[in-house]
């Protein structure tokens, strides 16, 4: 019996693990992550992905008695902002054009939220 599901890339698996950690709102063990992902990934796969994410600084180990638990290093909004920044950094010669096109494709509600954020005092 073969599995007809398409293979997911490592980046997609890492994103799934991070999304599960953000959704949990608390540090999780690899076994709890397997359960949170409905058993779609094997324990060994989840553990390997956690190791990669830890090496990249995207998650932190939370110690204590018992098994090691893992938590995101930053909240979901900061993670998304970091990815957006990385995209901008990948196109240094057309940064302004990318930003302009991004803004023109925002929904009216997202545009209003962006304008409100730009009008706020920067965080200290």
PDB file of N, CA and C in Angstrom:
ATOM      1  N   UNK A   1       0.847  -1.176   0.000  1.00  0.00           N
ATOM      2  CA  UNK A   1       0.000   0.000   0.000  1.00  0.00           C
ATOM      3  C   UNK A   1       0.884   1.227   0.000  1.00  0.00           C
ATOM      4  N   UNK A   2       0.663   2.131  -0.959  1.00  0.00           N
ATOM      5  CA  UNK A   2       1.503   3.319  -1.059  1.00  0.00           C
ATOM      6  C   UNK A   2       0.761   4.541  -0.546  1.00  0.00           C
ATOM      7  N   UNK A   3       1.534   5.505  -0.127  1.00  0.00           N
ATOM      8  CA  UNK A   3       0.988   6.760   0.380  1.00  0.00           C
ATOM      9  C   UNK A   3       0.999   7.760  -0.773  1.00  0.00           C
ATOM     10  N   UNK A   4      -0.183   8.220  -1.196  1.00  0.00           N
ATOM     11  CA  UNK A   4      -0.279   9.115  -2.338  1.00  0.00           C
ATOM     12  C   UNK A   4      -0.183  10.588  -1.959  1.00  0.00           C
ATOM     13  N   UNK A   5       0.027  10.878  -0.660  1.00  0.00           N
ATOM     14  CA  UNK A   5       0.150  12.275  -0.246  1.00  0.00           C
ATOM     15  C   UNK A   5       1.448  12.852  -0.785  1.00  0.00           C
ATOM     16  N   UNK A   6       1.414  14.116  -1.248  1.00  0.00           N
ATOM     17  CA  UNK A   6       2.656  14.723  -1.729  1.00  0.00           C
ATOM     18  C   UNK A   6       3.624  14.948  -0.570  1.00  0.00           C
ATOM     19  N   UNK A   7       4.912  14.839  -0.867  1.00  0.00           N
ATOM     20  CA  UNK A   7       5.936  15.087   0.156  1.00  0.00           C
ATOM     21  C   UNK A   7       5.977  16.561   0.492  1.00  0.00           C
ATOM     22  N   UNK A   8       6.155  16.840   1.764  1.00  0.00           N
ATOM     23  CA  UNK A   8       6.292  18.218   2.209  1.00  0.00           C
ATOM     24  C   UNK A   8       7.770  18.527   2.332  1.00  0.00           C
ATOM     25  N   UNK A   9       8.143  19.757   1.980  1.00  0.00           N
ATOM     26  CA  UNK A   9       9.523  20.175   2.124  1.00  0.00           C
ATOM     27  C   UNK A   9       9.840  20.464   3.583  1.00  0.00           C
ATOM     28  N   UNK A  10      11.127  20.510   3.903  1.00  0.00           N
ATOM     29  CA  UNK A  10      11.562  20.763   5.280  1.00  0.00           C
ATOM     30  C   UNK A  10      11.030  22.104   5.783  1.00  0.00           C
ATOM     31  N   UNK A  11      11.018  23.111   4.933  1.00  0.00           N
ATOM     32  CA  UNK A  11      10.511  24.420   5.351  1.00  0.00           C
ATOM     33  C   UNK A  11       9.045  24.370   5.733  1.00  0.00           C
ATOM     34  N   UNK A  12       8.261  23.599   5.001  1.00  0.00           N
ATOM     35  CA  UNK A  12       6.843  23.466   5.313  1.00  0.00           C
ATOM     36  C   UNK A  12       6.654  22.713   6.632  1.00  0.00           C
ATOM     37  N   UNK A  13       7.449  21.707   6.849  1.00  0.00           N
ATOM     38  CA  UNK A  13       7.358  20.956   8.112  1.00  0.00           C
ATOM     39  C   UNK A  13       7.755  21.839   9.286  1.00  0.00           C
ATOM     40  N   UNK A  14       8.808  22.628   9.115  1.00  0.00           N
ATOM     41  CA  UNK A  14       9.224  23.544  10.174  1.00  0.00           C
ATOM     42  C   UNK A  14       8.105  24.539  10.475  1.00  0.00           C
ATOM     43  N   UNK A  15       7.466  25.048   9.433  1.00  0.00           N
ATOM     44  CA  UNK A  15       6.361  25.992   9.623  1.00  0.00           C
ATOM     45  C   UNK A  15       5.200  25.328  10.368  1.00  0.00           C
ATOM     46  N   UNK A  16       4.914  24.070  10.072  1.00  0.00           N
ATOM     47  CA  UNK A  16       3.844  23.345  10.757  1.00  0.00           C
ATOM     48  C   UNK A  16       4.159  23.179  12.244  1.00  0.00           C
ATOM     49  N   UNK A  17       5.418  22.861  12.536  1.00  0.00           N
ATOM     50  CA  UNK A  17       5.831  22.700  13.939  1.00  0.00           C
ATOM     51  C   UNK A  17       5.706  24.033  14.670  1.00  0.00           C
ATOM     52  N   UNK A  18       6.202  25.116  14.069  1.00  0.00           N
ATOM     53  CA  UNK A  18       6.099  26.433  14.692  1.00  0.00           C
ATOM     54  C   UNK A  18       4.637  26.825  14.883  1.00  0.00           C
ATOM     55  N   UNK A  19       3.803  26.581  13.893  1.00  0.00           N
ATOM     56  CA  UNK A  19       2.380  26.924  14.014  1.00  0.00           C
ATOM     57  C   UNK A  19       1.735  26.154  15.165  1.00  0.00           C
ATOM     58  N   UNK A  20       2.099  24.896  15.320  1.00  0.00           N
ATOM     59  CA  UNK A  20       1.545  24.096  16.421  1.00  0.00           C
ATOM     60  C   UNK A  20       2.012  24.638  17.772  1.00  0.00           C
ATOM     61  N   UNK A  21       3.272  25.044  17.859  1.00  0.00           N
ATOM     62  CA  UNK A  21       3.781  25.613  19.108  1.00  0.00           C
ATOM     63  C   UNK A  21       3.087  26.939  19.423  1.00  0.00           C
ATOM     64  N   UNK A  22       2.918  27.793  18.420  1.00  0.00           N
ATOM     65  CA  UNK A  22       2.220  29.065  18.642  1.00  0.00           C
ATOM     66  C   UNK A  22       0.771  28.808  19.068  1.00  0.00           C
ATOM     67  N   UNK A  23       0.119  27.861  18.420  1.00  0.00           N
ATOM     68  CA  UNK A  23      -1.283  27.564  18.748  1.00  0.00           C
ATOM     69  C   UNK A  23      -1.421  27.005  20.167  1.00  0.00           C
ATOM     70  N   UNK A  24      -0.435  26.245  20.601  1.00  0.00           N
ATOM     71  CA  UNK A  24      -0.499  25.639  21.932  1.00  0.00           C
ATOM     72  C   UNK A  24      -0.404  26.696  23.031  1.00  0.00           C
ATOM     73  N   UNK A  25       0.369  27.731  22.784  1.00  0.00           N
ATOM     74  CA  UNK A  25       0.521  28.778  23.784  1.00  0.00           C
ATOM     75  C   UNK A  25       1.355  28.370  24.988  1.00  0.00           C
ATOM     76  N   UNK A  26       1.968  27.211  24.919  1.00  0.00           N
ATOM     77  CA  UNK A  26       2.823  26.720  25.996  1.00  0.00           C
ATOM     78  C   UNK A  26       3.873  25.806  25.378  1.00  0.00           C
ATOM     79  N   UNK A  27       4.943  25.574  26.118  1.00  0.00           N
ATOM     80  CA  UNK A  27       5.987  24.679  25.625  1.00  0.00           C
ATOM     81  C   UNK A  27       5.456  23.251  25.545  1.00  0.00           C
ATOM     82  N   UNK A  28       5.884  22.537  24.513  1.00  0.00           N
ATOM     83  CA  UNK A  28       5.418  21.164  24.291  1.00  0.00           C
ATOM     84  C   UNK A  28       6.594  20.204  24.148  1.00  0.00           C
ATOM     85  N   UNK A  29       6.371  18.958  24.536  1.00  0.00           N
ATOM     86  CA  UNK A  29       7.343  17.893  24.286  1.00  0.00           C
ATOM     87  C   UNK A  29       7.171  17.436  22.831  1.00  0.00           C
ATOM     88  N   UNK A  30       8.179  16.745  22.294  1.00  0.00           N
ATOM     89  CA  UNK A  30       8.006  16.196  20.941  1.00  0.00           C
ATOM     90  C   UNK A  30       6.773  15.303  20.829  1.00  0.00           C
ATOM     91  N   UNK A  31       6.501  14.505  21.862  1.00  0.00           N
ATOM     92  CA  UNK A  31       5.328  13.618  21.816  1.00  0.00           C
ATOM     93  C   UNK A  31       4.032  14.420  21.744  1.00  0.00           C
ATOM     94  N   UNK A  32       3.938  15.502  22.493  1.00  0.00           N
ATOM     95  CA  UNK A  32       2.740  16.350  22.442  1.00  0.00           C
ATOM     96  C   UNK A  32       2.610  17.015  21.077  1.00  0.00           C
ATOM     97  N   UNK A  33       3.741  17.360  20.467  1.00  0.00           N
ATOM     98  CA  UNK A  33       3.686  17.939  19.119  1.00  0.00           C
ATOM     99  C   UNK A  33       3.178  16.928  18.098  1.00  0.00           C
ATOM    100  N   UNK A  34       3.625  15.690  18.219  1.00  0.00           N
ATOM    101  CA  UNK A  34       3.128  14.640  17.318  1.00  0.00           C
ATOM    102  C   UNK A  34       1.608  14.558  17.435  1.00  0.00           C
ATOM    103  N   UNK A  35       1.108  14.584  18.668  1.00  0.00           N
ATOM    104  CA  UNK A  35      -0.343  14.527  18.883  1.00  0.00           C
ATOM    105  C   UNK A  35      -1.024  15.773  18.329  1.00  0.00           C
ATOM    106  N   UNK A  36      -0.419  16.946  18.528  1.00  0.00           N
ATOM    107  CA  UNK A  36      -1.009  18.194  18.035  1.00  0.00           C
ATOM    108  C   UNK A  36      -1.090  18.207  16.509  1.00  0.00           C
ATOM    109  N   UNK A  37      -0.181  17.494  15.874  1.00  0.00           N
ATOM    110  CA  UNK A  37      -0.172  17.402  14.414  1.00  0.00           C
ATOM    111  C   UNK A  37      -0.961  16.184  13.934  1.00  0.00           C
ATOM    112  N   UNK A  38      -1.791  15.633  14.804  1.00  0.00           N
ATOM    113  CA  UNK A  38      -2.635  14.480  14.484  1.00  0.00           C
ATOM    114  C   UNK A  38      -1.836  13.278  13.993  1.00  0.00           C
ATOM    115  N   UNK A  39      -0.610  13.144  14.493  1.00  0.00           N
ATOM    116  CA  UNK A  39       0.206  11.986  14.144  1.00  0.00           C
ATOM    117  C   UNK A  39       0.667  11.956  12.708  1.00  0.00           C
ATOM    118  N   UNK A  40       0.605  13.094  12.007  1.00  0.00           N
ATOM    119  CA  UNK A  40       1.000  13.119  10.595  1.00  0.00           C
ATOM    120  C   UNK A  40       2.508  12.991  10.400  1.00  0.00           C
ATOM    121  N   UNK A  41       3.272  13.308  11.451  1.00  0.00           N
ATOM    122  CA  UNK A  41       4.723  13.163  11.381  1.00  0.00           C
ATOM    123  C   UNK A  41       5.165  12.194  12.472  1.00  0.00           C
ATOM    124  N   UNK A  42       6.164  11.406  12.167  1.00  0.00           N
ATOM    125  CA  UNK A  42       6.704  10.462  13.143  1.00  0.00           C
ATOM    126  C   UNK A  42       7.448  11.219  14.236  1.00  0.00           C
ATOM    127  N   UNK A  43       7.534  10.595  15.398  1.00  0.00           N
ATOM    128  CA  UNK A  43       8.245  11.200  16.526  1.00  0.00           C
ATOM    129  C   UNK A  43       9.668  11.590  16.116  1.00  0.00           C
ATOM    130  N   UNK A  44      10.370  10.687  15.430  1.00  0.00           N
ATOM    131  CA  UNK A  44      11.764  10.959  15.045  1.00  0.00           C
ATOM    132  C   UNK A  44      11.851  12.153  14.093  1.00  0.00           C
ATOM    133  N   UNK A  45      10.863  12.294  13.222  1.00  0.00           N
ATOM    134  CA  UNK A  45      10.839  13.439  12.302  1.00  0.00           C
ATOM    135  C   UNK A  45      10.620  14.733  13.072  1.00  0.00           C
ATOM    136  N   UNK A  46       9.665  14.720  13.995  1.00  0.00           N
ATOM    137  CA  UNK A  46       9.394  15.907  14.809  1.00  0.00           C
ATOM    138  C   UNK A  46      10.637  16.282  15.606  1.00  0.00           C
ATOM    139  N   UNK A  47      11.299  15.290  16.188  1.00  0.00           N
ATOM    140  CA  UNK A  47      12.500  15.562  16.982  1.00  0.00           C
ATOM    141  C   UNK A  47      13.597  16.164  16.104  1.00  0.00           C
ATOM    142  N   UNK A  48      13.789  15.637  14.904  1.00  0.00           N
ATOM    143  CA  UNK A  48      14.805  16.171  13.994  1.00  0.00           C
ATOM    144  C   UNK A  48      14.478  17.623  13.602  1.00  0.00           C
ATOM    145  N   UNK A  49      13.213  17.904  13.331  1.00  0.00           N
ATOM    146  CA  UNK A  49      12.804  19.267  12.966  1.00  0.00           C
ATOM    147  C   UNK A  49      13.010  20.207  14.148  1.00  0.00           C
ATOM    148  N   UNK A  50      12.687  19.749  15.359  1.00  0.00           N
ATOM    149  CA  UNK A  50      12.915  20.571  16.545  1.00  0.00           C
ATOM    150  C   UNK A  50      14.399  20.892  16.700  1.00  0.00           C
ATOM    151  N   UNK A  51      15.255  19.933  16.439  1.00  0.00           N
ATOM    152  CA  UNK A  51      16.703  20.170  16.520  1.00  0.00           C
ATOM    153  C   UNK A  51      17.135  21.243  15.523  1.00  0.00           C
ATOM    154  N   UNK A  52      16.620  21.157  14.295  1.00  0.00           N
ATOM    155  CA  UNK A  52      16.954  22.171  13.273  1.00  0.00           C
ATOM    156  C   UNK A  52      16.457  23.549  13.689  1.00  0.00           C
ATOM    157  N   UNK A  53      15.207  23.610  14.159  1.00  0.00           N
ATOM    158  CA  UNK A  53      14.645  24.894  14.584  1.00  0.00           C
ATOM    159  C   UNK A  53      15.424  25.472  15.758  1.00  0.00           C
ATOM    160  N   UNK A  54      15.856  24.617  16.675  1.00  0.00           N
ATOM    161  CA  UNK A  54      16.660  25.079  17.808  1.00  0.00           C
ATOM    162  C   UNK A  54      18.007  25.603  17.325  1.00  0.00           C
ATOM    163  N   UNK A  55      18.642  24.884  16.406  1.00  0.00           N
ATOM    164  CA  UNK A  55      19.933  25.319  15.858  1.00  0.00           C
ATOM    165  C   UNK A  55      19.809  26.674  15.156  1.00  0.00           C
ATOM    166  N   UNK A  56      18.660  26.937  14.557  1.00  0.00           N
ATOM    167  CA  UNK A  56      18.415  28.205  13.858  1.00  0.00           C
ATOM    168  C   UNK A  56      17.999  29.323  14.818  1.00  0.00           C
ATOM    169  N   UNK A  57      17.772  28.980  16.082  1.00  0.00           N
ATOM    170  CA  UNK A  57      17.352  29.975  17.061  1.00  0.00           C
ATOM    171  C   UNK A  57      15.872  30.316  16.999  1.00  0.00           C
ATOM    172  N   UNK A  58      15.080  29.491  16.317  1.00  0.00           N
ATOM    173  CA  UNK A  58      13.653  29.769  16.180  1.00  0.00           C
ATOM    174  C   UNK A  58      12.824  29.218  17.331  1.00  0.00           C
ATOM    175  N   UNK A  59      13.391  28.276  18.072  1.00  0.00           N
ATOM    176  CA  UNK A  59      12.712  27.754  19.263  1.00  0.00           C
ATOM    177  C   UNK A  59      13.724  27.672  20.397  1.00  0.00           C
ATOM    178  N   UNK A  60      13.204  27.580  21.610  1.00  0.00           N
ATOM    179  CA  UNK A  60      14.052  27.431  22.790  1.00  0.00           C
ATOM    180  C   UNK A  60      13.647  26.164  23.531  1.00  0.00           C
ATOM    181  N   UNK A  61      14.622  25.579  24.210  1.00  0.00           N
ATOM    182  CA  UNK A  61      14.351  24.418  25.056  1.00  0.00           C
ATOM    183  C   UNK A  61      13.937  24.928  26.423  1.00  0.00           C
ATOM    184  N   UNK A  62      12.906  24.320  26.954  1.00  0.00           N
ATOM    185  CA  UNK A  62      12.428  24.656  28.290  1.00  0.00           C
ATOM    186  C   UNK A  62      12.692  23.443  29.167  1.00  0.00           C
ATOM    187  N   UNK A  63      13.581  23.641  30.135  1.00  0.00           N
ATOM    188  CA  UNK A  63      13.976  22.530  30.991  1.00  0.00           C
ATOM    189  C   UNK A  63      12.986  22.273  32.103  1.00  0.00           C
ATOM    190  N   UNK A  64      13.397  21.475  32.998  1.00  0.00           N
ATOM    191  CA  UNK A  64      12.549  21.103  34.114  1.00  0.00           C
ATOM    192  C   UNK A  64      12.643  19.625  34.349  1.00  0.00           C
ATOM    193  N   UNK A  65      11.831  19.153  35.230  1.00  0.00           N
ATOM    194  CA  UNK A  65      11.824  17.725  35.532  1.00  0.00           C
ATOM    195  C   UNK A  65      11.094  16.997  34.407  1.00  0.00           C
ATOM    196  N   UNK A  66      11.689  15.937  33.936  1.00  0.00           N
ATOM    197  CA  UNK A  66      11.052  15.164  32.870  1.00  0.00           C
ATOM    198  C   UNK A  66      11.623  15.500  31.505  1.00  0.00           C
ATOM    199  N   UNK A  67      10.815  15.315  30.516  1.00  0.00           N
ATOM    200  CA  UNK A  67      11.253  15.508  29.133  1.00  0.00           C
ATOM    201  C   UNK A  67      11.412  16.980  28.786  1.00  0.00           C
ATOM    202  N   UNK A  68      12.326  17.238  27.844  1.00  0.00           N
ATOM    203  CA  UNK A  68      12.533  18.592  27.367  1.00  0.00           C
ATOM    204  C   UNK A  68      11.311  19.047  26.590  1.00  0.00           C
ATOM    205  N   UNK A  69      10.907  20.268  26.848  1.00  0.00           N
ATOM    206  CA  UNK A  69       9.807  20.881  26.104  1.00  0.00           C
ATOM    207  C   UNK A  69      10.378  21.992  25.242  1.00  0.00           C
ATOM    208  N   UNK A  70       9.644  22.359  24.214  1.00  0.00           N
ATOM    209  CA  UNK A  70      10.094  23.374  23.264  1.00  0.00           C
ATOM    210  C   UNK A  70       9.039  24.463  23.128  1.00  0.00           C
ATOM    211  N   UNK A  71       9.522  25.697  22.957  1.00  0.00           N
ATOM    212  CA  UNK A  71       8.637  26.845  22.784  1.00  0.00           C
ATOM    213  C   UNK A  71       9.227  27.743  21.696  1.00  0.00           C
ATOM    214  N   UNK A  72       8.382  28.486  21.004  1.00  0.00           N
ATOM    215  CA  UNK A  72       8.900  29.421  19.998  1.00  0.00           C
ATOM    216  C   UNK A  72       9.771  30.492  20.665  1.00  0.00           C
ATOM    217  N   UNK A  73      10.812  30.915  19.975  1.00  0.00           N
ATOM    218  CA  UNK A  73      11.683  31.969  20.498  1.00  0.00           C
ATOM    219  C   UNK A  73      11.001  33.337  20.421  1.00  0.00           C
ATOM    220  N   UNK A  74      10.077  33.490  19.475  1.00  0.00           N
ATOM    221  CA  UNK A  74       9.336  34.743  19.311  1.00  0.00           C
ATOM    222  C   UNK A  74       7.867  34.418  19.080  1.00  0.00           C
ATOM    223  N   UNK A  75       7.007  35.414  19.253  1.00  0.00           N
ATOM    224  CA  UNK A  75       5.582  35.176  19.006  1.00  0.00           C
ATOM    225  C   UNK A  75       5.314  35.095  17.499  1.00  0.00           C
ATOM    226  N   UNK A  76       4.116  34.693  17.149  1.00  0.00           N
ATOM    227  CA  UNK A  76       3.765  34.473  15.734  1.00  0.00           C
ATOM    228  C   UNK A  76       3.889  35.746  14.910  1.00  0.00           C
ATOM    229  N   UNK A  77       3.472  36.876  15.466  1.00  0.00           N
ATOM    230  CA  UNK A  77       3.542  38.143  14.720  1.00  0.00           C
ATOM    231  C   UNK A  77       4.986  38.520  14.427  1.00  0.00           C
ATOM    232  N   UNK A  78       5.857  38.346  15.404  1.00  0.00           N
ATOM    233  CA  UNK A  78       7.276  38.660  15.187  1.00  0.00           C
ATOM    234  C   UNK A  78       7.876  37.695  14.170  1.00  0.00           C
ATOM    235  N   UNK A  79       7.501  36.432  14.244  1.00  0.00           N
ATOM    236  CA  UNK A  79       7.989  35.461  13.266  1.00  0.00           C
ATOM    237  C   UNK A  79       7.578  35.830  11.845  1.00  0.00           C
ATOM    238  N   UNK A  80       6.331  36.241  11.672  1.00  0.00           N
ATOM    239  CA  UNK A  80       5.854  36.651  10.345  1.00  0.00           C
ATOM    240  C   UNK A  80       6.586  37.904   9.880  1.00  0.00           C
ATOM    241  N   UNK A  81       6.778  38.849  10.782  1.00  0.00           N
ATOM    242  CA  UNK A  81       7.491  40.079  10.427  1.00  0.00           C
ATOM    243  C   UNK A  81       8.935  39.769  10.031  1.00  0.00           C
ATOM    244  N   UNK A  82       9.566  38.842  10.730  1.00  0.00           N
ATOM    245  CA  UNK A  82      10.938  38.448  10.384  1.00  0.00           C
ATOM    246  C   UNK A  82      11.003  37.823   8.991  1.00  0.00           C
ATOM    247  N   UNK A  83       9.993  37.006   8.641  1.00  0.00           N
ATOM    248  CA  UNK A  83       9.967  36.398   7.300  1.00  0.00           C
ATOM    249  C   UNK A  83       9.759  37.463   6.230  1.00  0.00           C
ATOM    250  N   UNK A  84       8.890  38.431   6.526  1.00  0.00           N
ATOM    251  CA  UNK A  84       8.661  39.514   5.564  1.00  0.00           C
ATOM    252  C   UNK A  84       9.947  40.326   5.364  1.00  0.00           C
ATOM    253  N   UNK A  85      10.649  40.574   6.452  1.00  0.00           N
ATOM    254  CA  UNK A  85      11.912  41.313   6.379  1.00  0.00           C
ATOM    255  C   UNK A  85      12.935  40.545   5.548  1.00  0.00           C
ATOM    256  N   UNK A  86      12.983  39.225   5.714  1.00  0.00           N
ATOM    257  CA  UNK A  86      13.913  38.396   4.947  1.00  0.00           C
ATOM    258  C   UNK A  86      13.618  38.482   3.451  1.00  0.00           C
ATOM    259  N   UNK A  87      12.328  38.519   3.100  1.00  0.00           N
ATOM    260  CA  UNK A  87      11.966  38.660   1.686  1.00  0.00           C
ATOM    261  C   UNK A  87      12.466  39.999   1.155  1.00  0.00           C
ATOM    262  N   UNK A  88      12.260  41.056   1.906  1.00  0.00           N
ATOM    263  CA  UNK A  88      12.744  42.371   1.479  1.00  0.00           C
ATOM    264  C   UNK A  88      14.268  42.377   1.344  1.00  0.00           C
ATOM    265  N   UNK A  89      14.950  41.755   2.285  1.00  0.00           N
ATOM    266  CA  UNK A  89      16.408  41.700   2.236  1.00  0.00           C
ATOM    267  C   UNK A  89      16.908  40.898   1.040  1.00  0.00           C
ATOM    268  N   UNK A  90      16.082  39.994   0.522  1.00  0.00           N
ATOM    269  CA  UNK A  90      16.493  39.162  -0.612  1.00  0.00           C
ATOM    270  C   UNK A  90      16.399  39.899  -1.949  1.00  0.00           C
ATOM    271  N   UNK A  91      15.775  41.063  -1.959  1.00  0.00           N
ATOM    272  CA  UNK A  91      15.651  41.851  -3.196  1.00  0.00           C
ATOM    273  C   UNK A  91      16.084  43.304  -2.946  1.00  0.00           C
ATOM    274  N   UNK A  92      17.350  43.511  -2.572  1.00  0.00           N
ATOM    275  CA  UNK A  92      17.781  44.857  -2.171  1.00  0.00           C
ATOM    276  C   UNK A  92      17.639  45.906  -3.276  1.00  0.00           C
ATOM    277  N   UNK A  93      17.738  45.502  -4.529  1.00  0.00           N
ATOM    278  CA  UNK A  93      17.660  46.480  -5.619  1.00  0.00           C
ATOM    279  C   UNK A  93      16.237  46.889  -5.953  1.00  0.00           C
ATOM    280  N   UNK A  94      15.245  46.150  -5.484  1.00  0.00           N
ATOM    281  CA  UNK A  94      13.860  46.499  -5.795  1.00  0.00           C
ATOM    282  C   UNK A  94      12.993  46.553  -4.544  1.00  0.00           C
ATOM    283  N   UNK A  95      13.612  46.883  -3.448  1.00  0.00           N
ATOM    284  CA  UNK A  95      12.921  46.928  -2.165  1.00  0.00           C
ATOM    285  C   UNK A  95      11.706  47.851  -2.199  1.00  0.00           C
ATOM    286  N   UNK A  96      11.869  49.053  -2.737  1.00  0.00           N
ATOM    287  CA  UNK A  96      10.763  50.013  -2.797  1.00  0.00           C
ATOM    288  C   UNK A  96       9.632  49.495  -3.673  1.00  0.00           C
ATOM    289  N   UNK A  97       9.971  48.881  -4.787  1.00  0.00           N
ATOM    290  CA  UNK A  97       8.952  48.347  -5.687  1.00  0.00           C
ATOM    291  C   UNK A  97       8.175  47.212  -5.009  1.00  0.00           C
ATOM    292  N   UNK A  98       8.880  46.366  -4.290  1.00  0.00           N
ATOM    293  CA  UNK A  98       8.214  45.262  -3.591  1.00  0.00           C
ATOM    294  C   UNK A  98       7.259  45.815  -2.540  1.00  0.00           C
ATOM    295  N   UNK A  99       7.720  46.794  -1.763  1.00  0.00           N
ATOM    296  CA  UNK A  99       6.857  47.401  -0.747  1.00  0.00           C
ATOM    297  C   UNK A  99       5.632  48.055  -1.381  1.00  0.00           C
ATOM    298  N   UNK A 100       5.836  48.770  -2.480  1.00  0.00           N
ATOM    299  CA  UNK A 100       4.718  49.438  -3.153  1.00  0.00           C
ATOM    300  C   UNK A 100       3.696  48.423  -3.659  1.00  0.00           C
ATOM    301  N   UNK A 101       4.169  47.352  -4.255  1.00  0.00           N
ATOM    302  CA  UNK A 101       3.243  46.330  -4.761  1.00  0.00           C
ATOM    303  C   UNK A 101       2.540  45.616  -3.620  1.00  0.00           C
ATOM    304  N   UNK A 102       3.244  45.399  -2.527  1.00  0.00           N
ATOM    305  CA  UNK A 102       2.636  44.764  -1.363  1.00  0.00           C
ATOM    306  C   UNK A 102       1.474  45.619  -0.856  1.00  0.00           C
ATOM    307  N   UNK A 103       1.719  46.902  -0.717  1.00  0.00           N
ATOM    308  CA  UNK A 103       0.696  47.804  -0.180  1.00  0.00           C
ATOM    309  C   UNK A 103      -0.512  47.876  -1.112  1.00  0.00           C
ATOM    310  N   UNK A 104      -0.283  47.883  -2.419  1.00  0.00           N
ATOM    311  CA  UNK A 104      -1.415  47.983  -3.347  1.00  0.00           C
ATOM    312  C   UNK A 104      -2.274  46.720  -3.355  1.00  0.00           C
ATOM    313  N   UNK A 105      -1.746  45.627  -2.843  1.00  0.00           N
ATOM    314  CA  UNK A 105      -2.509  44.374  -2.814  1.00  0.00           C
ATOM    315  C   UNK A 105      -3.165  44.103  -1.461  1.00  0.00           C
ATOM    316  N   UNK A 106      -3.035  45.016  -0.519  1.00  0.00           N
ATOM    317  CA  UNK A 106      -3.670  44.852   0.784  1.00  0.00           C
ATOM    318  C   UNK A 106      -5.168  45.086   0.699  1.00  0.00           C
ATOM    319  N   UNK A 107      -5.901  44.402   1.539  1.00  0.00           N
ATOM    320  CA  UNK A 107      -7.338  44.671   1.659  1.00  0.00           C
ATOM    321  C   UNK A 107      -7.488  46.032   2.332  1.00  0.00           C
ATOM    322  N   UNK A 108      -8.644  46.678   2.183  1.00  0.00           N
ATOM    323  CA  UNK A 108      -8.843  47.964   2.869  1.00  0.00           C
ATOM    324  C   UNK A 108      -8.615  47.869   4.383  1.00  0.00           C
ATOM    325  N   UNK A 109      -9.042  46.782   4.997  1.00  0.00           N
ATOM    326  CA  UNK A 109      -8.846  46.626   6.440  1.00  0.00           C
ATOM    327  C   UNK A 109      -7.362  46.496   6.792  1.00  0.00           C
ATOM    328  N   UNK A 110      -6.611  45.720   5.993  1.00  0.00           N
ATOM    329  CA  UNK A 110      -5.178  45.572   6.250  1.00  0.00           C
ATOM    330  C   UNK A 110      -4.443  46.883   6.003  1.00  0.00           C
ATOM    331  N   UNK A 111      -4.861  47.615   4.975  1.00  0.00           N
ATOM    332  CA  UNK A 111      -4.241  48.915   4.698  1.00  0.00           C
ATOM    333  C   UNK A 111      -4.481  49.877   5.864  1.00  0.00           C
ATOM    334  N   UNK A 112      -5.690  49.879   6.389  1.00  0.00           N
ATOM    335  CA  UNK A 112      -5.994  50.744   7.538  1.00  0.00           C
ATOM    336  C   UNK A 112      -5.159  50.337   8.756  1.00  0.00           C
ATOM    337  N   UNK A 113      -4.993  49.042   8.974  1.00  0.00           N
ATOM    338  CA  UNK A 113      -4.177  48.561  10.098  1.00  0.00           C
ATOM    339  C   UNK A 113      -2.716  48.970   9.914  1.00  0.00           C
ATOM    340  N   UNK A 114      -2.225  48.879   8.683  1.00  0.00           N
ATOM    341  CA  UNK A 114      -0.847  49.282   8.411  1.00  0.00           C
ATOM    342  C   UNK A 114      -0.665  50.776   8.647  1.00  0.00           C
ATOM    343  N   UNK A 115      -1.613  51.575   8.169  1.00  0.00           N
ATOM    344  CA  UNK A 115      -1.531  53.031   8.388  1.00  0.00           C
ATOM    345  C   UNK A 115      -1.539  53.355   9.883  1.00  0.00           C
ATOM    346  N   UNK A 116      -2.384  52.681  10.637  1.00  0.00           N
ATOM    347  CA  UNK A 116      -2.450  52.920  12.077  1.00  0.00           C
ATOM    348  C   UNK A 116      -1.127  52.539  12.753  1.00  0.00           C
ATOM    349  N   UNK A 117      -0.536  51.440  12.319  1.00  0.00           N
ATOM    350  CA  UNK A 117       0.742  51.019  12.893  1.00  0.00           C
ATOM    351  C   UNK A 117       1.847  52.018  12.574  1.00  0.00           C
ATOM    352  N   UNK A 118       1.831  52.565  11.367  1.00  0.00           N
ATOM    353  CA  UNK A 118       2.852  53.535  10.971  1.00  0.00           C
ATOM    354  C   UNK A 118       2.707  54.859  11.720  1.00  0.00           C
ATOM    355  N   UNK A 119       1.499  55.176  12.155  1.00  0.00           N
ATOM    356  CA  UNK A 119       1.263  56.424  12.868  1.00  0.00           C
ATOM    357  C   UNK A 119       1.600  56.333  14.357  1.00  0.00           C
ATOM    358  N   UNK A 120       1.761  55.108  14.867  1.00  0.00           N
ATOM    359  CA  UNK A 120       2.099  54.917  16.279  1.00  0.00           C
ATOM    360  C   UNK A 120       3.552  55.294  16.528  1.00  0.00           C
ATOM    361  N   UNK A 121       3.827  55.664  17.776  1.00  0.00           N
ATOM    362  CA  UNK A 121       5.205  55.900  18.162  1.00  0.00           C
ATOM    363  C   UNK A 121       5.948  54.576  18.113  1.00  0.00           C
ATOM    364  N   UNK A 122       7.214  54.605  17.643  1.00  0.00           N
ATOM    365  CA  UNK A 122       7.962  53.345  17.590  1.00  0.00           C
ATOM    366  C   UNK A 122       8.195  52.804  19.002  1.00  0.00           C
ATOM    367  N   UNK A 123       8.275  51.483  19.130  1.00  0.00           N
ATOM    368  CA  UNK A 123       8.528  50.908  20.465  1.00  0.00           C
ATOM    369  C   UNK A 123       9.891  51.342  20.977  1.00  0.00           C
ATOM    370  N   UNK A 124       9.994  51.485  22.293  1.00  0.00           N
ATOM    371  CA  UNK A 124      11.289  51.904  22.861  1.00  0.00           C
ATOM    372  C   UNK A 124      12.169  50.738  23.121  1.00  0.00           C
TER     373      UNK A 124
END
